[in-house]
Amino acid sequence: MKKWRSFATLPEQYIGLQEIIDKQVEVTQPVLTEEQMEQIKQINFILIEALHTNKQVYLTYYKQGQYITETGFIQFVDSLGGLFVFIDDVFELKNKMRLSELINVSLA
């Protein structure tokens, strides 16, 4: 271990390398086609159904260059405003998100 200690003297180098690695795995937000716009209507319907039946959902959404998949419950849906509130299953945190960030929703 002592042999490699000299490489750990430049923490700025590690920060810079981590930023480069993060940029390489970053994904651009998808542009919606007409077919996907129809899927948004289905996603909205699934969100409202999950809200009224209090069923768990699997959400896949876009956030800061990454696709994130979580499970949890829908607490509030505002179709006109394009917002919904999601409570994740692990930490029970409230997440306020835009419907435009959603990629896929399915009932658990």
Protein backbone atom coordinates (compact mmCIF):
# COMPACT_ATOMS: atom_id res chain seq x y z
CA MET A 1 0.00 0.00 0.00
CA LYS A 2 2.86 2.39 0.69
CA LYS A 3 4.01 1.94 -2.87
CA TRP A 4 0.85 3.64 -4.22
CA ARG A 5 0.64 6.49 -1.68
CA SER A 6 2.49 8.90 -3.93
CA PHE A 7 -0.42 8.77 -6.40
CA ALA A 8 -2.88 9.87 -3.71
CA THR A 9 -1.20 13.24 -3.22
CA LEU A 10 -3.23 14.98 -5.93
CA PRO A 11 -6.90 14.87 -4.87
CA GLU A 12 -7.75 17.47 -7.53
CA GLN A 13 -6.72 14.94 -10.15
CA TYR A 14 -9.23 12.39 -8.81
CA ILE A 15 -12.01 14.99 -8.76
CA GLY A 16 -11.27 15.94 -12.37
CA LEU A 17 -11.19 12.30 -13.47
CA GLN A 18 -14.50 11.60 -11.72
CA GLU A 19 -16.11 14.55 -13.53
CA ILE A 20 -14.88 13.19 -16.88
CA ILE A 21 -16.23 9.71 -16.08
CA ASP A 22 -19.60 11.19 -15.04
CA LYS A 23 -19.87 13.13 -18.30
CA GLN A 24 -19.15 9.99 -20.34
CA VAL A 25 -22.06 8.05 -18.78
CA GLU A 26 -24.46 11.00 -19.05
CA VAL A 27 -27.53 10.45 -21.24
CA THR A 28 -29.45 13.16 -23.09
CA GLN A 29 -33.14 13.61 -22.35
CA PRO A 30 -35.21 11.88 -25.02
CA VAL A 31 -37.29 13.95 -27.43
CA LEU A 32 -40.90 12.78 -27.55
CA THR A 33 -42.48 11.61 -30.79
CA GLU A 34 -46.24 11.58 -31.47
CA GLU A 35 -46.44 7.93 -30.42
CA GLN A 36 -44.74 8.74 -27.14
CA MET A 37 -47.16 11.63 -26.61
CA GLU A 38 -49.94 9.04 -26.69
CA GLN A 39 -48.00 7.01 -24.14
CA ILE A 40 -48.01 10.07 -21.86
CA LYS A 41 -51.80 9.87 -21.80
CA GLN A 42 -51.51 6.21 -20.75
CA ILE A 43 -48.90 7.12 -18.14
CA ASN A 44 -51.21 9.80 -16.77
CA PHE A 45 -54.04 7.24 -16.58
CA ILE A 46 -51.78 4.78 -14.71
CA LEU A 47 -50.71 7.52 -12.26
CA ILE A 48 -54.32 8.45 -11.50
CA GLU A 49 -55.28 4.78 -11.10
CA ALA A 50 -52.36 4.21 -8.72
CA LEU A 51 -53.38 7.31 -6.76
CA HIS A 52 -56.99 6.19 -6.30
CA THR A 53 -56.24 2.52 -5.59
CA ASN A 54 -53.11 3.27 -3.50
CA LYS A 55 -51.09 0.71 -5.46
CA GLN A 56 -47.32 0.68 -5.68
CA VAL A 57 -45.76 1.77 -8.99
CA TYR A 58 -42.44 1.38 -10.77
CA LEU A 59 -41.27 4.73 -12.14
CA THR A 60 -38.50 5.33 -14.66
CA TYR A 61 -37.60 8.99 -15.08
CA TYR A 62 -34.86 11.25 -16.39
CA LYS A 63 -32.86 13.33 -13.91
CA GLN A 64 -29.53 15.11 -14.41
CA GLY A 65 -28.36 12.98 -17.32
CA GLN A 66 -29.42 9.61 -15.91
CA TYR A 67 -32.37 7.25 -16.13
CA ILE A 68 -33.54 6.38 -12.61
CA THR A 69 -35.96 3.59 -11.68
CA GLU A 70 -37.72 3.62 -8.31
CA THR A 71 -40.70 2.03 -6.62
CA GLY A 72 -43.20 3.80 -4.41
CA PHE A 73 -46.63 5.39 -4.16
CA ILE A 74 -48.29 8.32 -5.92
CA GLN A 75 -49.62 10.96 -3.53
CA PHE A 76 -50.81 13.73 -5.89
CA VAL A 77 -51.30 14.18 -9.65
CA ASP A 78 -51.85 17.53 -11.39
CA SER A 79 -52.47 16.69 -15.06
CA LEU A 80 -53.03 20.28 -16.13
CA GLY A 81 -49.94 21.59 -14.37
CA GLY A 82 -47.86 18.60 -15.45
CA LEU A 83 -46.74 17.71 -11.92
CA PHE A 84 -47.07 14.77 -9.57
CA VAL A 85 -45.84 13.86 -6.09
CA PHE A 86 -44.16 10.49 -5.59
CA ILE A 87 -43.21 8.89 -2.25
CA ASP A 88 -40.33 6.47 -2.71
CA ASP A 89 -40.49 3.07 -1.07
CA VAL A 90 -37.01 3.02 0.47
CA PHE A 91 -36.62 6.33 2.32
CA GLU A 92 -40.27 7.46 2.21
CA LEU A 93 -39.25 10.84 0.82
CA LYS A 94 -41.63 13.04 -1.16
CA ASN A 95 -40.42 13.79 -4.67
CA LYS A 96 -42.16 16.48 -6.70
CA MET A 97 -41.62 15.77 -10.40
CA ARG A 98 -42.79 16.92 -13.80
CA LEU A 99 -44.73 14.56 -16.02
CA SER A 100 -42.31 15.43 -18.84
CA GLU A 101 -39.46 13.77 -16.89
CA LEU A 102 -41.29 10.41 -16.82
CA ILE A 103 -40.22 7.74 -19.25
CA ASN A 104 -42.20 4.74 -18.06
CA VAL A 105 -44.71 3.85 -15.32
CA SER A 106 -46.13 0.45 -14.43
CA LEU A 107 -48.20 -0.88 -11.56
CA ALA A 108 -46.43 -3.25 -9.22
